């Protein structure tokens, strides 16, 4: 798939997002992590239902999907 792992994507989301909504695209995350946008998009889809500490939802789909990310306060 890619040299990016689910853990790396999760860690990136936690580090980048805040308790206020943050909007990210897979290609931007992949660029920061030196990986494939396709792999990041697949991981985001998988993580959407798996994460307890991060709220993750697909937000917009113009040219590419935008993800709304929010870290849950705990």
C-alpha atoms as a PDB file:
ATOM      1  CA  UNK A   1       0.000   0.000   0.000  1.00  0.00           C
ATOM      2  CA  UNK A   2       2.341   2.716   1.198  1.00  0.00           C
ATOM      3  CA  UNK A   3       5.053   3.487   3.675  1.00  0.00           C
ATOM      4  CA  UNK A   4       2.390   5.209   5.841  1.00  0.00           C
ATOM      5  CA  UNK A   5       0.689   3.275   8.633  1.00  0.00           C
ATOM      6  CA  UNK A   6      -2.728   3.709  10.242  1.00  0.00           C
ATOM      7  CA  UNK A   7      -0.913   4.722  13.430  1.00  0.00           C
ATOM      8  CA  UNK A   8       0.965   7.458  11.604  1.00  0.00           C
ATOM      9  CA  UNK A   9      -2.266   8.854  10.165  1.00  0.00           C
ATOM     10  CA  UNK A  10      -3.963   8.685  13.579  1.00  0.00           C
ATOM     11  CA  UNK A  11      -1.012  10.420  15.257  1.00  0.00           C
ATOM     12  CA  UNK A  12      -1.052  13.106  12.567  1.00  0.00           C
ATOM     13  CA  UNK A  13      -4.756  13.736  13.136  1.00  0.00           C
ATOM     14  CA  UNK A  14      -4.292  14.054  16.899  1.00  0.00           C
ATOM     15  CA  UNK A  15      -1.309  16.391  16.509  1.00  0.00           C
ATOM     16  CA  UNK A  16      -2.899  18.555  13.819  1.00  0.00           C
ATOM     17  CA  UNK A  17      -6.533  18.741  14.878  1.00  0.00           C
ATOM     18  CA  UNK A  18      -7.935  20.507  17.894  1.00  0.00           C
ATOM     19  CA  UNK A  19     -11.169  20.502  19.854  1.00  0.00           C
ATOM     20  CA  UNK A  20     -12.386  22.946  17.200  1.00  0.00           C
ATOM     21  CA  UNK A  21     -13.118  21.419  13.774  1.00  0.00           C
ATOM     22  CA  UNK A  22     -10.143  21.208  11.426  1.00  0.00           C
ATOM     23  CA  UNK A  23     -10.562  20.478   7.737  1.00  0.00           C
ATOM     24  CA  UNK A  24      -7.939  18.315   6.032  1.00  0.00           C
ATOM     25  CA  UNK A  25      -7.440  16.581   2.708  1.00  0.00           C
ATOM     26  CA  UNK A  26      -5.742  13.241   2.191  1.00  0.00           C
ATOM     27  CA  UNK A  27      -3.274  14.721  -0.284  1.00  0.00           C
ATOM     28  CA  UNK A  28      -2.115  17.303   2.289  1.00  0.00           C
ATOM     29  CA  UNK A  29      -1.701  14.651   4.990  1.00  0.00           C
ATOM     30  CA  UNK A  30       0.172  12.408   2.528  1.00  0.00           C
ATOM     31  CA  UNK A  31       2.450  15.281   1.589  1.00  0.00           C
ATOM     32  CA  UNK A  32       3.309  15.927   5.240  1.00  0.00           C
ATOM     33  CA  UNK A  33       3.874  12.206   5.897  1.00  0.00           C
ATOM     34  CA  UNK A  34       5.719  11.552   2.610  1.00  0.00           C
ATOM     35  CA  UNK A  35       3.250   8.964   1.404  1.00  0.00           C
ATOM     36  CA  UNK A  36       0.455   8.211  -0.996  1.00  0.00           C
ATOM     37  CA  UNK A  37      -2.785  10.226  -0.930  1.00  0.00           C
ATOM     38  CA  UNK A  38      -4.660   7.064  -1.932  1.00  0.00           C
ATOM     39  CA  UNK A  39      -3.318   5.176   1.099  1.00  0.00           C
ATOM     40  CA  UNK A  40      -4.158   8.063   3.431  1.00  0.00           C
ATOM     41  CA  UNK A  41      -7.704   8.266   2.031  1.00  0.00           C
ATOM     42  CA  UNK A  42      -8.169   4.539   2.629  1.00  0.00           C
ATOM     43  CA  UNK A  43      -6.887   4.846   6.189  1.00  0.00           C
ATOM     44  CA  UNK A  44      -9.154   7.828   6.866  1.00  0.00           C
ATOM     45  CA  UNK A  45     -12.146   5.795   5.696  1.00  0.00           C
ATOM     46  CA  UNK A  46     -11.133   2.910   7.940  1.00  0.00           C
ATOM     47  CA  UNK A  47     -10.391   5.133  10.929  1.00  0.00           C
ATOM     48  CA  UNK A  48     -13.681   6.991  10.621  1.00  0.00           C
ATOM     49  CA  UNK A  49     -15.522   4.350  12.683  1.00  0.00           C
ATOM     50  CA  UNK A  50     -12.584   3.041  14.710  1.00  0.00           C
ATOM     51  CA  UNK A  51     -11.394   6.093  16.630  1.00  0.00           C
ATOM     52  CA  UNK A  52     -12.678   6.983  20.084  1.00  0.00           C
ATOM     53  CA  UNK A  53     -10.514  10.076  20.600  1.00  0.00           C
ATOM     54  CA  UNK A  54     -11.008  11.710  17.203  1.00  0.00           C
ATOM     55  CA  UNK A  55     -14.230  12.645  15.426  1.00  0.00           C
ATOM     56  CA  UNK A  56     -13.697  12.137  11.699  1.00  0.00           C
ATOM     57  CA  UNK A  57     -16.244  12.626   8.929  1.00  0.00           C
ATOM     58  CA  UNK A  58     -16.278  13.221   5.211  1.00  0.00           C
ATOM     59  CA  UNK A  59     -17.214  16.828   4.658  1.00  0.00           C
ATOM     60  CA  UNK A  60     -16.954  17.834   1.021  1.00  0.00           C
ATOM     61  CA  UNK A  61     -16.136  16.256  -2.312  1.00  0.00           C
ATOM     62  CA  UNK A  62     -15.345  18.937  -4.870  1.00  0.00           C
ATOM     63  CA  UNK A  63     -12.062  17.876  -6.451  1.00  0.00           C
ATOM     64  CA  UNK A  64     -11.064  15.696  -3.520  1.00  0.00           C
ATOM     65  CA  UNK A  65     -12.682  14.733  -0.256  1.00  0.00           C
ATOM     66  CA  UNK A  66     -12.277  17.107   2.640  1.00  0.00           C
ATOM     67  CA  UNK A  67     -12.330  15.539   6.093  1.00  0.00           C
ATOM     68  CA  UNK A  68     -13.682  17.316   9.164  1.00  0.00           C
ATOM     69  CA  UNK A  69     -11.475  16.326  12.098  1.00  0.00           C
ATOM     70  CA  UNK A  70     -12.040  17.157  15.744  1.00  0.00           C
ATOM     71  CA  UNK A  71     -10.204  15.769  18.769  1.00  0.00           C
ATOM     72  CA  UNK A  72     -12.610  14.770  21.526  1.00  0.00           C
ATOM     73  CA  UNK A  73     -11.889  16.310  24.919  1.00  0.00           C
ATOM     74  CA  UNK A  74     -10.929  13.604  27.401  1.00  0.00           C
END
